[in-house]
Amino acid sequence: AQRGRRPPPHLPGCRIVTAAPTLPFPTADRAALGVAVRSWLAAHPAGCTDWEITHGLGLPERRHGSVVKRRQEAGAIPTGQTRPSPHGGAPMTVWRLP
């Protein structure tokens, strides 16, 4: 820690993660994640939201941005449908492969 800076206080209700979850591929491997996202979308022709893809692949929420980028690279297109956000936010776009 830097001099004069305190670590953030523990927030009630937050849990401290001591080990990363075991994933079916290395998280730093973009190509493997791209294949996984494309395979997930191929297996769900009606489409999925980015959140459904992230959680369907067993990834932590912090990997959501990586999933979005791999979905874009896969060329997924919007279906014109939306689904409710799991966190109560704006509706989420449903994506599918062309």
Protein backbone atom coordinates (compact mmCIF):
# COMPACT_ATOMS: atom_id res chain seq x y z
CA ALA A 1 0.00 0.00 0.00
CA GLN A 2 1.13 3.53 -0.66
CA ARG A 3 2.04 5.73 2.25
CA GLY A 4 -0.93 7.73 3.53
CA ARG A 5 -3.52 5.63 1.70
CA ARG A 6 -5.72 3.18 3.51
CA PRO A 7 -7.23 0.15 1.88
CA PRO A 8 -10.98 0.48 1.27
CA PRO A 9 -13.10 -0.64 4.23
CA HIS A 10 -14.89 -3.96 4.01
CA LEU A 11 -18.46 -3.43 2.90
CA PRO A 12 -21.16 -5.39 4.73
CA GLY A 13 -22.76 -7.97 2.50
CA CYS A 14 -19.75 -8.26 0.16
CA ARG A 15 -17.82 -11.46 0.10
CA ILE A 16 -14.13 -11.72 -0.49
CA VAL A 17 -13.20 -14.13 -3.27
CA THR A 18 -10.11 -16.12 -2.38
CA ALA A 19 -9.86 -18.19 -5.56
CA ALA A 20 -10.89 -17.64 -9.15
CA PRO A 21 -13.59 -19.94 -10.48
CA THR A 22 -12.50 -22.81 -12.68
CA LEU A 23 -13.46 -22.02 -16.26
CA PRO A 24 -13.57 -24.33 -19.29
CA PHE A 25 -10.81 -22.25 -20.94
CA PRO A 26 -8.13 -19.74 -19.85
CA THR A 27 -9.73 -16.33 -19.35
CA ALA A 28 -6.87 -14.59 -21.15
CA ASP A 29 -7.39 -16.66 -24.31
CA ARG A 30 -9.47 -14.46 -26.58
CA ALA A 31 -9.67 -17.03 -29.35
CA ALA A 32 -11.06 -19.70 -27.01
CA LEU A 33 -13.60 -17.26 -25.59
CA GLY A 34 -14.59 -16.28 -29.14
CA VAL A 35 -15.18 -19.93 -30.05
CA ALA A 36 -17.19 -20.45 -26.86
CA VAL A 37 -19.40 -17.40 -27.51
CA ARG A 38 -19.96 -18.40 -31.14
CA SER A 39 -20.78 -21.99 -30.11
CA TRP A 40 -23.21 -20.76 -27.44
CA LEU A 41 -25.02 -18.57 -29.97
CA ALA A 42 -25.08 -21.40 -32.52
CA ALA A 43 -26.67 -23.67 -29.90
CA HIS A 44 -29.36 -21.05 -29.21
CA PRO A 45 -30.74 -20.03 -32.63
CA ALA A 46 -33.55 -17.96 -31.07
CA GLY A 47 -30.84 -15.74 -29.58
CA CYS A 48 -29.46 -14.73 -26.19
CA THR A 49 -28.66 -11.55 -24.34
CA ASP A 50 -25.06 -10.75 -23.46
CA TRP A 51 -25.89 -11.53 -19.82
CA GLU A 52 -27.29 -14.95 -20.77
CA ILE A 53 -24.15 -15.73 -22.77
CA THR A 54 -21.86 -14.62 -19.93
CA HIS A 55 -23.65 -16.67 -17.30
CA GLY A 56 -24.36 -19.57 -19.64
CA LEU A 57 -20.61 -19.96 -20.18
CA GLY A 58 -20.07 -19.91 -16.43
CA LEU A 59 -18.13 -16.64 -16.49
CA PRO A 60 -18.10 -14.06 -13.70
CA GLU A 61 -19.88 -10.75 -14.40
CA ARG A 62 -16.52 -8.96 -14.66
CA ARG A 63 -15.99 -10.82 -17.97
CA HIS A 64 -19.18 -9.32 -19.50
CA GLY A 65 -17.21 -6.77 -21.54
CA SER A 66 -15.06 -9.51 -23.06
CA VAL A 67 -18.17 -11.47 -23.99
CA VAL A 68 -19.65 -8.39 -25.69
CA LYS A 69 -16.47 -7.94 -27.76
CA ARG A 70 -16.37 -11.61 -28.77
CA ARG A 71 -20.10 -11.49 -29.68
CA GLN A 72 -19.39 -8.47 -31.90
CA GLU A 73 -16.46 -10.30 -33.51
CA ALA A 74 -18.72 -13.31 -34.14
CA GLY A 75 -20.97 -11.04 -36.23
CA ALA A 76 -24.09 -11.59 -34.14
CA ILE A 77 -27.08 -9.47 -35.17
CA PRO A 78 -29.98 -8.15 -33.08
CA THR A 79 -33.21 -10.15 -33.31
CA GLY A 80 -35.38 -7.10 -32.69
CA GLN A 81 -36.41 -8.53 -29.32
CA THR A 82 -35.41 -7.51 -25.82
CA ARG A 83 -35.52 -9.29 -22.49
CA PRO A 84 -35.62 -7.87 -18.98
CA SER A 85 -32.28 -7.07 -17.40
CA PRO A 86 -31.40 -9.37 -14.51
CA HIS A 87 -30.54 -6.31 -12.43
CA GLY A 88 -33.70 -4.36 -13.16
CA GLY A 89 -32.06 -1.98 -15.64
CA ALA A 90 -32.95 -1.22 -19.24
CA PRO A 91 -34.13 -4.15 -21.37
CA MET A 92 -31.32 -6.11 -22.98
CA THR A 93 -31.03 -6.80 -26.70
CA VAL A 94 -31.31 -10.41 -27.84
CA TRP A 95 -28.55 -11.39 -30.31
CA ARG A 96 -28.27 -14.29 -32.77
CA LEU A 97 -25.91 -15.45 -35.48
CA PRO A 98 -26.89 -14.46 -39.04
